[in-house]
Protein backbone atom coordinates (compact mmCIF):
# COMPACT_ATOMS: atom_id res chain seq x y z
CA MET A 1 74.09 28.31 98.05
CA SER A 2 72.67 25.62 100.24
CA HIS A 3 69.57 24.21 99.23
CA PHE A 4 68.27 25.16 102.60
CA PHE A 5 69.26 28.70 102.10
CA PHE A 6 68.16 28.83 98.63
CA SER A 7 64.46 27.37 99.21
CA LEU A 8 64.62 30.35 102.27
CA PHE A 9 65.84 32.75 99.71
CA CYS A 10 63.08 32.01 96.70
CA CYS A 11 60.18 31.93 99.76
CA ARG A 12 61.51 35.38 100.94
CA PHE A 13 61.86 37.17 98.00
CA GLY A 14 58.80 35.83 96.06
CA ALA A 15 59.65 33.56 93.00
CA ALA A 16 56.41 32.24 92.80
CA ALA A 17 54.98 35.92 91.78
CA LEU A 18 56.77 35.67 88.54
CA SER A 19 54.98 36.02 85.20
CA ASP A 20 55.67 35.09 81.77
CA ASP A 21 55.63 38.74 80.67
CA ASP A 22 58.37 39.63 83.20
CA ASP A 23 62.15 39.85 81.43
CA VAL A 24 64.51 37.35 82.35
CA TYR A 25 68.45 38.81 82.48
CA ARG A 26 71.03 35.95 82.52
CA THR A 27 74.23 35.53 85.31
CA GLU A 28 76.77 32.77 84.98
CA PHE A 29 74.71 31.27 88.24
CA GLY A 30 70.87 31.59 86.99
CA PRO A 31 68.49 33.72 85.33
CA VAL A 32 67.04 36.90 87.33
CA VAL A 33 63.75 38.93 87.08
CA GLY A 34 64.14 42.74 88.13
CA GLU A 35 61.39 45.18 88.39
CA THR A 36 60.67 47.46 85.31
CA GLN A 37 59.73 51.04 86.52
CA ALA A 38 57.72 53.39 84.94
CA ASN A 39 60.52 55.10 83.85
CA GLY A 40 61.96 52.45 81.87
CA VAL A 41 64.90 51.64 84.21
CA THR A 42 64.62 47.90 85.68
CA ALA A 43 65.75 47.53 89.13
CA PHE A 44 67.13 44.40 90.78
CA ARG A 45 67.54 44.36 94.79
CA SER A 46 69.02 41.17 95.96
CA ILE A 47 71.38 39.75 93.22
CA PRO A 48 73.20 36.86 95.04
CA PHE A 49 76.85 37.37 94.09
CA ALA A 50 78.24 34.86 96.90
CA ALA A 51 76.62 32.15 98.47
CA PRO A 52 75.62 32.86 102.46
CA PRO A 53 78.90 33.30 104.45
CA LEU A 54 78.78 30.40 106.42
CA PRO A 55 80.76 29.06 108.47
CA ARG A 56 81.69 32.67 109.66
CA TRP A 57 84.94 34.27 108.65
CA GLU A 58 85.71 32.42 105.75
CA PRO A 59 86.72 34.28 102.14
CA PRO A 60 83.44 34.62 100.00
CA LYS A 61 82.30 31.67 97.56
CA PRO A 62 80.42 31.43 94.82
CA PRO A 63 76.09 30.83 94.87
CA ASP A 64 75.24 27.35 93.96
CA PRO A 65 73.48 27.94 90.44
CA TRP A 66 69.75 27.80 89.88
CA THR A 67 67.40 27.50 86.81
CA THR A 68 64.15 28.92 87.57
CA PRO A 69 64.28 32.74 87.46
CA LEU A 70 65.17 34.20 90.97
CA ASP A 71 62.87 36.97 91.69
CA THR A 72 65.03 39.85 92.95
CA ARG A 73 62.36 42.69 92.81
CA ALA A 74 62.39 42.66 97.19
CA PHE A 75 64.87 44.20 98.88
CA ALA A 76 67.91 41.93 100.09
CA PRO A 77 68.58 41.71 103.90
CA ALA A 78 71.63 44.27 104.87
CA CYS A 79 74.30 43.08 106.53
CA LEU A 80 74.37 42.39 110.20
CA GLN A 81 74.53 45.75 112.00
CA GLU A 82 72.98 47.29 115.74
CA SER A 83 69.54 47.58 114.65
CA TYR A 84 68.78 45.23 111.82
CA GLY A 85 70.73 42.68 109.24
CA ALA A 86 71.17 39.27 108.68
CA GLU A 87 74.62 36.91 108.02
CA ASP A 88 73.21 36.01 104.54
CA CYS A 89 73.75 39.23 103.06
CA LEU A 90 75.97 39.11 99.99
CA TYR A 91 73.76 40.59 97.20
CA LEU A 92 73.77 43.54 95.12
CA TYR A 93 71.34 46.42 93.75
CA LEU A 94 71.40 46.78 89.92
CA TYR A 95 69.88 49.57 87.78
CA THR A 96 70.00 49.48 84.21
CA THR A 97 67.62 50.67 80.93
CA ALA A 98 68.89 47.76 78.94
CA ALA A 99 66.71 44.99 77.44
CA PRO A 100 68.09 41.52 78.40
CA ASP A 101 71.28 40.86 76.51
CA GLU A 102 70.82 44.20 74.73
CA ALA A 103 74.45 45.32 73.60
CA LEU A 104 74.48 48.70 74.59
CA ASP A 105 78.25 48.84 76.22
CA LEU A 106 76.80 51.24 78.83
CA PRO A 107 79.39 52.97 81.26
CA VAL A 108 79.35 51.11 84.86
CA MET A 109 79.02 52.97 88.18
CA LEU A 110 79.92 50.72 90.80
CA PHE A 111 79.39 52.19 94.41
CA VAL A 112 80.44 50.86 97.40
CA HIS A 113 78.60 52.28 100.70
CA GLY A 114 79.90 54.12 104.10
CA GLY A 115 79.06 53.59 107.40
CA GLY A 116 82.26 53.09 109.30
CA LEU A 117 82.99 49.79 108.11
CA GLU A 118 80.13 48.57 110.63
CA SER A 119 76.72 50.08 109.26
CA GLY A 120 74.80 50.59 106.15
CA ASP A 121 73.79 48.59 103.06
CA GLY A 122 73.77 48.97 99.17
CA TYR A 123 70.01 50.94 99.29
CA GLU A 124 69.50 52.70 102.32
CA LYS A 125 66.11 52.95 103.11
CA TYR A 126 66.31 55.22 105.72
CA GLY A 127 68.37 57.85 104.51
CA TYR A 128 66.62 61.75 104.43
CA GLY A 129 63.05 59.82 105.25
CA TYR A 130 61.61 60.71 101.50
CA ALA A 131 59.96 57.44 99.73
CA GLY A 132 62.94 55.92 98.08
CA GLY A 133 66.57 55.03 99.06
CA TYR A 134 69.75 56.94 100.05
CA TYR A 135 71.91 54.90 97.13
CA ASP A 136 68.92 54.37 94.91
CA GLY A 137 70.28 54.25 91.35
CA SER A 138 67.56 54.76 89.27
CA ALA A 139 68.22 58.36 88.61
CA LEU A 140 71.55 57.75 87.36
CA ALA A 141 70.80 54.88 84.88
CA LEU A 142 68.20 56.78 83.64
CA GLN A 143 69.83 60.29 83.45
CA TYR A 144 73.05 59.56 82.14
CA GLY A 145 72.83 56.14 80.30
CA VAL A 146 74.81 54.16 82.65
CA VAL A 147 74.53 50.76 84.58
CA LEU A 148 74.59 51.18 88.44
CA VAL A 149 75.64 48.87 90.93
CA SER A 150 75.82 49.18 94.46
CA ILE A 151 77.06 46.36 96.76
CA GLN A 152 77.02 44.81 100.38
CA TYR A 153 79.53 43.52 102.17
CA ARG A 154 80.01 41.80 105.43
CA LEU A 155 80.37 44.49 108.48
CA GLY A 156 81.48 45.24 111.71
CA ALA A 157 82.68 41.57 113.61
CA LEU A 158 81.68 39.55 110.90
CA GLY A 159 83.36 41.65 108.03
CA PHE A 160 86.56 42.88 110.05
CA LEU A 161 87.52 40.89 112.93
CA SER A 162 91.39 39.96 112.69
CA LEU A 163 90.73 36.03 112.07
CA PRO A 164 92.80 33.48 110.45
CA ALA A 165 91.48 33.07 106.79
CA ASN A 166 93.66 31.18 104.35
CA GLU A 167 97.33 32.77 103.98
CA GLY A 168 96.24 36.19 105.73
CA TYR A 169 93.55 37.29 108.37
CA GLY A 170 90.71 39.33 108.68
CA ASN A 171 89.77 41.58 105.96
CA PHE A 172 86.65 39.83 104.72
CA GLY A 173 84.56 42.66 103.91
CA LEU A 174 87.28 44.09 101.42
CA LEU A 175 87.13 40.61 100.20
CA ASP A 176 83.38 40.66 99.54
CA GLN A 177 83.60 43.86 97.97
CA ARG A 178 86.45 42.40 95.39
CA PHE A 179 84.11 39.31 94.93
CA ALA A 180 81.24 41.64 93.63
CA MET A 181 83.57 43.71 91.79
CA GLU A 182 84.78 39.86 89.83
CA TRP A 183 80.76 39.45 89.39
CA VAL A 184 80.59 42.21 87.59
CA GLN A 185 83.43 41.79 85.03
CA ARG A 186 82.03 38.33 84.36
CA ASN A 187 77.75 39.28 84.04
CA ILE A 188 77.38 43.13 83.42
CA ARG A 189 77.23 42.58 79.63
CA GLY A 190 74.36 40.61 80.30
CA PHE A 191 72.45 43.79 81.84
CA GLY A 192 73.88 46.20 79.02
CA GLY A 193 77.11 46.91 80.53
CA ASP A 194 80.46 47.68 79.48
CA PRO A 195 83.08 45.63 81.90
CA SER A 196 86.02 47.53 80.43
CA ARG A 197 84.11 51.10 81.71
CA VAL A 198 83.73 50.58 85.11
CA LEU A 199 84.08 53.45 87.77
CA LEU A 200 84.88 52.44 91.47
CA PHE A 201 83.06 54.79 93.84
CA GLY A 202 82.59 54.91 97.54
CA GLU A 203 81.94 57.22 100.30
CA SER A 204 83.14 57.59 103.72
CA ALA A 205 84.36 53.90 104.84
CA GLY A 206 83.08 53.18 101.19
CA ALA A 207 85.95 55.66 100.14
CA ILE A 208 87.99 54.22 101.92
CA SER A 209 87.61 50.97 100.57
CA VAL A 210 88.39 52.63 97.12
CA CYS A 211 91.60 53.23 98.65
CA PHE A 212 92.14 50.22 99.12
CA HIS A 213 91.09 48.73 95.89
CA LEU A 214 93.46 51.20 94.22
CA ALA A 215 96.36 50.01 96.09
CA SER A 216 95.95 46.37 96.31
CA PRO A 217 97.17 44.46 93.08
CA LYS A 218 94.80 41.95 93.44
CA SER A 219 92.17 44.24 92.40
CA ALA A 220 94.03 45.54 89.29
CA GLY A 221 92.04 45.25 86.20
CA LEU A 222 88.39 45.49 88.29
CA PHE A 223 87.84 48.87 87.57
CA LYS A 224 89.02 52.01 85.35
CA ALA A 225 88.49 55.11 87.23
CA ALA A 226 87.71 55.89 91.01
CA VAL A 227 86.13 58.50 93.27
CA VAL A 228 87.27 58.76 96.62
CA GLU A 229 84.34 60.69 98.05
CA SER A 230 85.12 61.48 101.96
CA GLY A 231 87.31 58.77 102.46
CA GLY A 232 91.07 58.92 104.02
CA CYS A 233 93.44 56.62 102.30
CA GLU A 234 94.99 56.15 105.94
CA LEU A 235 91.96 56.00 107.98
CA GLN A 236 90.81 52.69 109.19
CA VAL A 237 93.76 50.64 109.30
CA GLN A 238 95.30 48.65 112.00
CA THR A 239 98.64 46.44 112.82
CA GLY A 240 98.29 43.01 113.14
CA ILE A 241 99.40 43.21 116.62
CA VAL A 242 96.59 45.88 117.24
CA GLY A 243 93.87 43.64 115.23
CA GLU A 244 94.61 40.30 116.98
CA ALA A 245 94.87 41.80 120.85
CA PHE A 246 91.23 43.25 119.72
CA VAL A 247 89.93 39.98 118.60
CA ARG A 248 90.80 38.47 122.13
CA SER A 249 89.40 41.19 124.00
CA PHE A 250 86.40 41.31 122.03
CA ALA A 251 85.78 37.71 122.56
CA SER A 252 86.47 37.88 126.33
CA TYR A 253 84.39 41.30 127.32
CA VAL A 254 81.91 41.67 124.39
CA VAL A 255 80.52 38.48 123.25
CA GLY A 256 81.30 36.83 126.76
CA CYS A 257 83.74 34.00 126.57
CA ALA A 258 85.47 35.09 129.80
CA TRP A 259 87.85 32.20 129.68
CA VAL A 260 89.73 33.89 126.65
CA SER A 261 93.00 35.52 127.19
CA GLN A 262 95.51 37.84 125.22
CA ASN A 263 97.43 34.30 124.75
CA THR A 264 94.88 32.24 123.61
CA PRO A 265 95.57 31.22 119.78
CA LEU A 266 93.00 32.88 117.38
CA GLN A 267 92.26 29.73 115.83
CA GLU A 268 90.54 28.67 119.22
CA VAL A 269 89.28 31.75 119.93
CA ARG A 270 87.12 31.88 116.40
CA ASP A 271 86.41 28.06 116.78
CA ALA A 272 85.44 27.79 120.22
CA CYS A 273 84.17 30.99 121.32
CA LEU A 274 83.31 33.34 118.15
CA ARG A 275 81.67 30.45 115.31
CA LEU A 276 79.37 29.39 118.46
CA ALA A 277 77.92 32.83 119.58
CA PRO A 278 74.59 33.59 118.92
CA THR A 279 74.27 36.26 116.15
CA GLY A 280 73.04 39.19 118.31
CA ALA A 281 76.40 38.61 120.56
CA LEU A 282 78.68 40.15 117.48
CA VAL A 283 76.96 43.16 117.21
CA TRP A 284 78.52 45.89 119.13
CA PRO A 285 76.07 49.10 119.38
CA THR A 286 77.20 52.21 117.57
CA THR A 287 75.02 54.19 120.15
CA GLY A 288 75.57 53.85 123.64
CA ARG A 289 78.56 51.47 122.86
CA PRO A 290 80.00 50.46 126.27
CA ARG A 291 82.65 53.04 127.06
CA ARG A 292 83.45 51.45 130.44
CA LEU A 293 84.82 47.90 129.69
CA PRO A 294 88.37 47.12 131.13
CA ASP A 295 91.47 49.00 129.82
CA GLU A 296 92.57 45.97 128.03
CA VAL A 297 89.42 46.71 125.55
CA TYR A 298 90.93 50.21 124.61
CA ASP A 299 94.27 49.31 124.97
CA ALA A 300 93.62 46.85 122.15
CA ALA A 301 90.98 48.92 120.23
CA PRO A 302 91.45 51.14 117.23
CA ALA A 303 90.49 54.94 116.79
CA PHE A 304 87.59 53.10 115.00
CA PRO A 305 86.26 49.88 116.19
CA TRP A 306 86.56 48.25 112.66
CA CYS A 307 89.45 48.34 110.67
CA MET A 308 91.45 46.53 107.82
CA THR A 309 94.05 44.64 108.92
CA VAL A 310 97.80 44.94 107.61
CA ASP A 311 98.44 41.27 107.51
CA ASP A 312 100.96 41.05 104.31
CA VAL A 313 98.51 39.26 102.03
CA GLU A 314 95.67 41.82 101.46
CA LEU A 315 97.46 45.24 102.80
CA ASP A 316 101.33 45.40 103.53
CA ALA A 317 100.84 48.59 104.89
CA THR A 318 98.02 51.83 104.79
CA PRO A 319 96.82 51.82 101.18
CA LEU A 320 98.24 55.65 100.73
CA ALA A 321 101.97 53.94 102.07
CA MET A 322 101.28 51.19 99.33
CA LEU A 323 100.50 54.06 97.03
CA ARG A 324 103.45 55.37 97.45
CA THR A 325 105.49 52.78 96.02
CA ARG A 326 103.22 51.52 92.87
CA PRO A 327 101.05 53.42 90.75
CA PRO A 328 97.13 53.38 91.62
CA ASN A 329 94.81 50.71 89.71
CA ALA A 330 93.28 53.34 87.47
CA ARG A 331 94.24 55.90 85.51
CA SER A 332 91.78 58.86 86.29
CA ILE A 333 90.82 59.58 90.19
CA ILE A 334 88.45 61.98 91.75
CA VAL A 335 89.41 62.85 95.56
CA GLY A 336 87.09 65.20 97.00
CA THR A 337 85.70 66.26 100.94
CA ASN A 338 82.82 68.20 102.10
CA ARG A 339 83.55 71.73 104.01
CA ASP A 340 82.25 70.71 107.21
CA GLU A 341 83.63 66.98 107.69
CA PHE A 342 83.10 64.81 110.90
CA GLN A 343 80.83 67.68 112.05
CA TYR A 344 77.45 65.42 111.42
CA ASP A 345 76.88 64.45 115.01
CA CYS A 346 76.98 68.43 115.60
CA GLY A 347 74.93 69.48 112.59
CA ARG A 348 71.90 71.04 114.19
CA LEU A 349 73.81 72.79 117.04
CA VAL A 350 74.98 76.09 116.99
CA GLY A 351 76.98 78.40 119.08
CA ASP A 352 78.95 77.31 122.01
CA GLU A 353 76.93 73.70 121.91
CA LEU A 354 78.59 73.33 118.32
CA VAL A 355 82.29 73.62 119.55
CA ALA A 356 81.78 71.34 122.38
CA CYS A 357 80.28 68.80 120.31
CA ASN A 358 82.78 69.09 118.33
CA PHE A 359 85.43 68.75 120.88
CA ALA A 360 83.90 66.18 122.91
CA GLY A 361 82.70 63.54 120.02
CA ILE A 362 85.92 63.76 118.04
CA VAL A 363 88.75 64.66 120.56
CA PRO A 364 87.79 62.43 123.92
CA GLU A 365 91.50 62.46 125.26
CA VAL A 366 90.85 66.31 126.16
CA MET A 367 87.36 66.02 127.06
CA PRO A 368 85.50 66.58 129.42
CA GLY A 369 86.82 68.45 132.73
CA GLN A 370 90.24 69.32 131.00
CA LEU A 371 89.33 72.56 129.17
CA PRO A 372 88.22 75.65 130.95
CA PRO A 373 84.53 76.93 130.62
CA TYR A 374 83.77 77.27 127.25
CA ASP A 375 82.66 81.28 127.28
CA ASP A 376 86.31 82.02 129.20
CA LEU A 377 88.15 80.41 126.21
CA THR A 378 90.10 82.26 123.08
CA THR A 379 90.63 80.52 120.04
CA LEU A 380 94.21 80.41 121.09
CA GLU A 381 93.34 78.55 124.23
CA ILE A 382 91.52 76.10 122.31
CA LEU A 383 94.07 75.40 119.93
CA ARG A 384 96.48 74.94 122.73
CA HIS A 385 94.70 72.41 124.51
CA PHE A 386 93.96 70.93 121.19
CA THR A 387 97.30 70.49 119.53
CA GLY A 388 99.44 70.05 122.47
CA VAL A 389 101.49 72.89 121.50
CA PRO A 390 101.81 75.52 124.15
CA ASP A 391 103.80 78.22 122.53
CA ALA A 392 101.87 80.51 120.93
CA ARG A 393 104.27 81.83 118.98
CA VAL A 394 103.84 78.43 116.95
CA LEU A 395 100.51 78.72 116.97
CA ALA A 396 99.93 82.55 115.75
CA PRO A 397 100.59 81.80 112.47
CA LEU A 398 97.53 79.70 112.27
CA LEU A 399 95.14 82.33 113.08
CA ASP A 400 96.00 84.62 110.27
CA LEU A 401 94.99 81.81 107.58
CA TYR A 402 91.53 82.09 109.11
CA PRO A 403 90.87 85.66 109.07
CA LEU A 404 87.77 85.98 111.53
CA GLU A 405 85.86 88.60 109.20
CA GLN A 406 85.83 85.42 107.07
CA TYR A 407 83.39 83.97 109.13
CA GLU A 408 81.45 86.71 109.97
CA PHE A 409 83.37 87.20 113.21
CA SER A 410 81.66 83.84 114.41
CA THR A 411 84.75 82.16 116.89
CA VAL A 412 82.45 79.20 116.53
CA ALA A 413 82.67 79.05 112.72
CA ARG A 414 86.21 79.85 113.01
CA LEU A 415 86.88 77.01 115.58
CA SER A 416 85.24 74.69 113.38
CA ALA A 417 86.92 75.41 110.17
CA MET A 418 90.02 74.92 111.95
CA LEU A 419 88.87 71.64 113.81
CA VAL A 420 87.95 70.05 110.02
CA ASP A 421 91.53 71.07 108.75
CA SER A 422 93.40 70.07 111.64
CA LEU A 423 92.45 66.70 112.09
CA PRO A 424 94.46 64.35 113.48
CA ALA A 425 96.30 67.06 115.38
CA PRO A 426 99.67 66.69 116.61
CA GLY A 427 98.97 65.80 120.27
CA GLN A 428 96.12 63.37 119.51
CA ALA A 429 96.41 59.84 120.48
CA VAL A 430 96.02 57.37 117.46
CA HIS A 431 96.14 53.74 118.20
CA GLY A 432 97.86 51.53 114.96
CA TYR A 433 97.90 53.97 112.27
CA GLY A 434 97.21 57.52 111.70
CA GLY A 435 95.10 59.45 109.36
CA TRP A 436 91.71 61.36 109.06
CA ILE A 437 89.12 62.60 106.31
CA GLY A 438 89.68 65.56 105.51
CA ALA A 439 91.01 68.56 103.00
CA CYS A 440 94.52 67.94 103.68
CA GLU A 441 94.05 64.05 103.55
CA ALA A 442 92.57 64.59 99.87
CA PHE A 443 95.28 66.85 98.73
CA GLU A 444 97.93 64.67 99.85
CA ALA A 445 96.52 61.38 98.69
CA ALA A 446 95.96 63.47 95.03
CA ARG A 447 99.82 64.08 94.95
CA VAL A 448 100.74 60.38 95.58
CA MET A 449 98.53 59.10 93.45
CA SER A 450 99.34 61.67 90.47
CA ASN A 451 102.01 60.15 88.03
CA SER A 452 102.79 61.76 84.63
CA THR A 453 105.14 58.85 83.83
CA THR A 454 101.77 56.34 84.22
CA GLY A 455 99.52 59.03 82.53
CA VAL A 456 97.72 58.62 86.21
CA VAL A 457 95.53 62.07 86.74
CA VAL A 458 93.76 63.04 90.24
CA ARG A 459 91.02 65.82 90.16
CA VAL A 460 89.79 67.23 93.52
CA TYR A 461 86.38 68.73 94.57
CA ASN A 462 85.01 70.78 97.64
CA PHE A 463 81.50 70.35 98.34
CA SER A 464 80.42 73.16 100.02
CA ARG A 465 76.59 73.24 99.35
CA ARG A 466 74.53 73.67 102.93
CA ALA A 467 70.84 72.57 102.14
CA TYR A 468 69.16 72.57 105.26
CA LEU A 469 71.74 72.14 108.19
CA PRO A 470 74.26 74.38 109.64
CA THR A 471 76.84 72.45 108.46
CA VAL A 472 78.19 70.89 105.29
CA ASP A 473 78.71 67.64 107.00
CA HIS A 474 79.85 64.20 106.22
CA SER A 475 77.93 62.74 103.41
CA SER A 476 76.16 65.85 102.47
CA GLU A 477 77.19 65.33 98.55
CA ILE A 478 75.40 61.82 98.49
CA PRO A 479 71.73 63.17 97.64
CA TYR A 480 73.47 65.08 94.72
CA VAL A 481 75.50 62.58 93.09
CA PHE A 482 72.47 60.12 93.15
CA GLN A 483 70.21 63.25 91.73
CA ASP A 484 67.88 63.11 94.86
CA CYS A 485 68.17 67.10 94.60
CA ARG A 486 66.46 66.45 90.99
CA ASP A 487 63.84 63.71 91.72
CA HIS A 488 62.17 64.24 94.80
CA ASP A 489 59.47 66.88 93.88
CA GLY A 490 61.54 69.85 95.12
CA LEU A 491 63.05 68.24 97.78
CA CYS A 492 66.81 67.91 98.47
CA GLN A 493 68.14 66.14 101.42
CA GLY A 494 64.69 65.77 102.45
CA ALA A 495 63.69 69.10 102.96
CA PRO A 496 62.44 71.97 100.55
CA ALA A 497 65.39 72.67 98.27
CA SER A 498 66.32 76.28 99.35
CA ASP A 499 67.55 77.28 95.79
CA PRO A 500 66.07 76.95 92.40
CA PHE A 501 68.92 75.80 90.78
CA GLU A 502 69.95 73.10 93.11
CA PRO A 503 68.81 70.25 90.37
CA GLU A 504 71.50 71.80 88.26
CA LEU A 505 74.16 71.50 90.48
CA ALA A 506 73.15 68.02 91.30
CA ALA A 507 72.69 67.34 87.43
CA ALA A 508 76.50 68.74 87.25
CA MET A 509 77.98 66.04 89.93
CA GLY A 510 76.26 63.38 88.38
CA ALA A 511 77.35 64.30 84.93
CA TYR A 512 80.96 64.74 86.05
CA TRP A 513 81.05 61.02 87.61
CA ALA A 514 79.01 59.67 84.61
CA ALA A 515 81.53 61.02 82.23
CA LEU A 516 84.34 59.47 84.23
CA ALA A 517 82.77 56.27 84.01
CA ALA A 518 82.15 56.72 80.16
CA GLU A 519 85.22 58.11 78.82
CA GLY A 520 87.73 58.09 81.58
CA ALA A 521 87.51 61.64 81.90
CA PRO A 522 84.96 64.65 83.78
CA LEU A 523 84.69 66.52 80.86
CA ASP A 524 88.07 67.56 80.25
CA ASP A 525 87.42 70.49 77.83
CA ASP A 526 84.57 72.72 77.59
CA ASP A 527 82.92 70.94 74.50
CA SER A 528 84.81 67.55 74.65
CA TYR A 529 81.16 65.95 73.92
CA SER A 530 79.27 68.79 71.99
CA ASP A 531 79.76 67.12 68.77
CA SER A 532 79.67 63.39 70.16
CA ASP A 533 76.34 61.17 68.34
CA SER A 534 76.68 59.04 71.29
CA ALA A 535 72.99 58.29 72.25
CA VAL A 536 73.62 58.03 75.68
CA TRP A 537 75.36 61.04 75.59
CA GLU A 538 72.61 62.76 74.10
CA LYS A 539 70.36 61.49 76.95
CA ARG A 540 72.57 63.30 79.29
CA ARG A 541 72.86 66.40 77.34
CA ARG A 542 68.81 66.82 77.55
CA LEU A 543 68.86 66.96 81.15
CA LEU A 544 72.01 69.26 81.90
CA PRO A 545 72.26 72.88 81.61
CA HIS A 546 73.51 73.68 77.85
CA ASP A 547 73.40 75.67 74.99
CA ASP A 548 73.60 74.88 71.05
CA ALA A 549 77.52 74.64 71.29
CA GLY A 550 77.75 71.86 74.16
CA LEU A 551 77.57 72.06 77.67
CA SER A 552 78.10 74.76 80.06
CA LEU A 553 79.95 72.82 82.49
CA PRO A 554 83.95 74.04 82.81
CA ALA A 555 86.43 71.42 82.18
CA TRP A 556 87.83 69.97 85.66
CA PRO A 557 91.73 70.22 85.57
CA ASP A 558 94.42 67.84 86.89
CA PHE A 559 95.44 69.30 90.58
CA VAL A 560 98.71 68.51 90.63
CA ASP A 561 99.31 70.49 87.74
CA THR A 562 97.24 73.25 88.18
CA GLY A 563 96.39 73.48 92.28
CA LEU A 564 92.73 74.39 91.06
CA VAL A 565 89.89 72.36 93.19
CA MET A 566 86.36 71.88 91.84
CA HIS A 567 84.32 74.20 94.17
CA PHE A 568 80.38 72.68 94.11
CA ASP A 569 78.22 75.06 95.72
CA LEU A 570 76.03 78.02 94.65
CA PRO A 571 75.06 80.50 92.77
CA TYR A 572 78.42 79.77 91.28
CA GLY A 573 79.53 76.47 91.23
CA PRO A 574 80.80 73.98 89.99
CA LEU A 575 83.84 76.16 89.21
CA PRO A 576 87.46 75.23 89.65
CA VAL A 577 89.25 77.77 91.94
CA PRO A 578 92.39 77.99 94.11
CA ASP A 579 92.09 76.49 97.48
CA GLN A 580 93.01 78.36 100.16
CA ARG A 581 92.98 75.12 102.41
CA ILE A 582 96.15 74.22 100.42
CA GLN A 583 98.13 76.73 102.32
CA ARG A 584 96.65 75.85 105.44
CA CYS A 585 97.16 72.09 105.39
CA GLU A 586 100.87 73.47 104.87
CA ALA A 587 100.66 74.75 107.79
CA TRP A 588 99.18 72.32 110.03
CA ALA A 589 101.71 70.01 108.45
CA ALA A 590 104.52 72.14 109.61
CA LEU A 591 103.30 72.50 112.84
CA THR A 592 103.21 68.68 113.16
CA THR A 593 106.66 68.72 112.35
CA THR A 594 107.60 71.35 114.78
CA HIS A 595 105.83 69.63 117.48
CA GLN A 596 107.49 66.18 116.95
CA SER A 597 110.82 67.53 116.43
CA SER A 598 110.36 69.36 120.25
CA SER A 599 108.88 66.26 121.58
CA SER A 600 111.79 64.40 120.43
CA LEU A 601 114.24 66.80 122.04
CA GLU A 602 112.23 66.66 125.05
CA GLU A 603 112.08 62.88 125.40
CA GLU A 604 116.43 63.18 124.85
């Protein structure tokens, strides 16, 4: 960290306000002070794990060391995104119940936030409107005796433009994540943590990032267990050719360097255009994103604007493809999705509006104008348009797997379920690589990563608890994992809890995640911890549903061995049950194969 940036840091974060009574924790770069809260958890909200990332598009570097205790009680600036953030943003949040240098060897939960690789931060102050952060780790640290770390990484153009860096190019945000993971290995003991018991977990783009670290040989040894929450291991990955073309289009049409063409060398684009651009010029708005740019931009753009790049250094294929050829970097993994993934833009809509929103927002290739009016469509007609498969005989078996009575005779609910299960549909255009976030992708990832020879066990969940929105959409599980549904005076997801057992469901999810960090397995046996004399586990026991014999939470079996999926819902969950979506996914896969075969014959 340069002297100039360090001076700004100390000024902005109020180092002068420290007192002699503050507990000082040690890191390899210098001492830090956090805020010891009334509940006994000490919160650090701006520990620098790397220097400010300047010049742009370079791998992360260590910060300059300091000797005066650094006040990390104030919130770190988020990484640059549409409405806020800064380029100086490589900080982490940390929550612990340990005193300085107290050797408790607590398990560590290391969280990677989501946001499409273009938004979000390590705290997310703008969650559901309650006082606190979406990713505040205080409750997890207190309730389960873990050290919670939430990291930040470069986003959008600064984190994922496919620009040259050392041997490879692009993937700067992923390098930041690994740099933070390495910091945890070297420093977590000073906060009471055990570097040999690190759970890496993430949601959405954070889960996609976890897939990357599970597959990357360079991330081996930095964690022992992992959770992939609502993230596809083939999503947001682009080829190098696609990435390079997008860089040039972005520089020319978004940043305004009109002289850049598809023949301009990338290094020249970087040095003569992008590194000289003002910060604001590098932000491509997520809302109102200009859709009428020249076709060249959209020919170059992947399905998501910001992606990992296959550069043959960090990635030689999608993470899932890499995992088909090598075991994952964790022996115990949880993979799961929410019931109504990717309906979050439509969560407050009902009826025909919900169907219209789903199709317009997720499948723009067929909207608007290509479908007849919604009130005249049958389920089969919508499926024909959506899949590109005109033969009703091929589609008919799918209808049997979604009986209308199961959806209270609501065609809208039935179509929504089909939409979630089927993406990407056979007829949907995908740039670069395919993949999506849904149950079918979760099942496939579990099958690929499970390996009896190496002892890798993968468990699968389905989160189905609906709070106050009509759908159980993307990110709905986060307030349960982070214990928001226990910690905010009867509120859950910012609204009054609709069930008195809402806190118990949150407690169960927290217990499974924390046990995976602590023991490498989310409660393998019903009574596997009932006789434990661990102070950490006793702390968990006091806050979980249990009787004198031990916890009442059910064992979570291996998905591949049993075909069972942990169902998180009320009033019956958590409960491992057979999942009818497995058969549905097999049917969609067969439809894809049939469609591809018929398309090949037509081309011949």
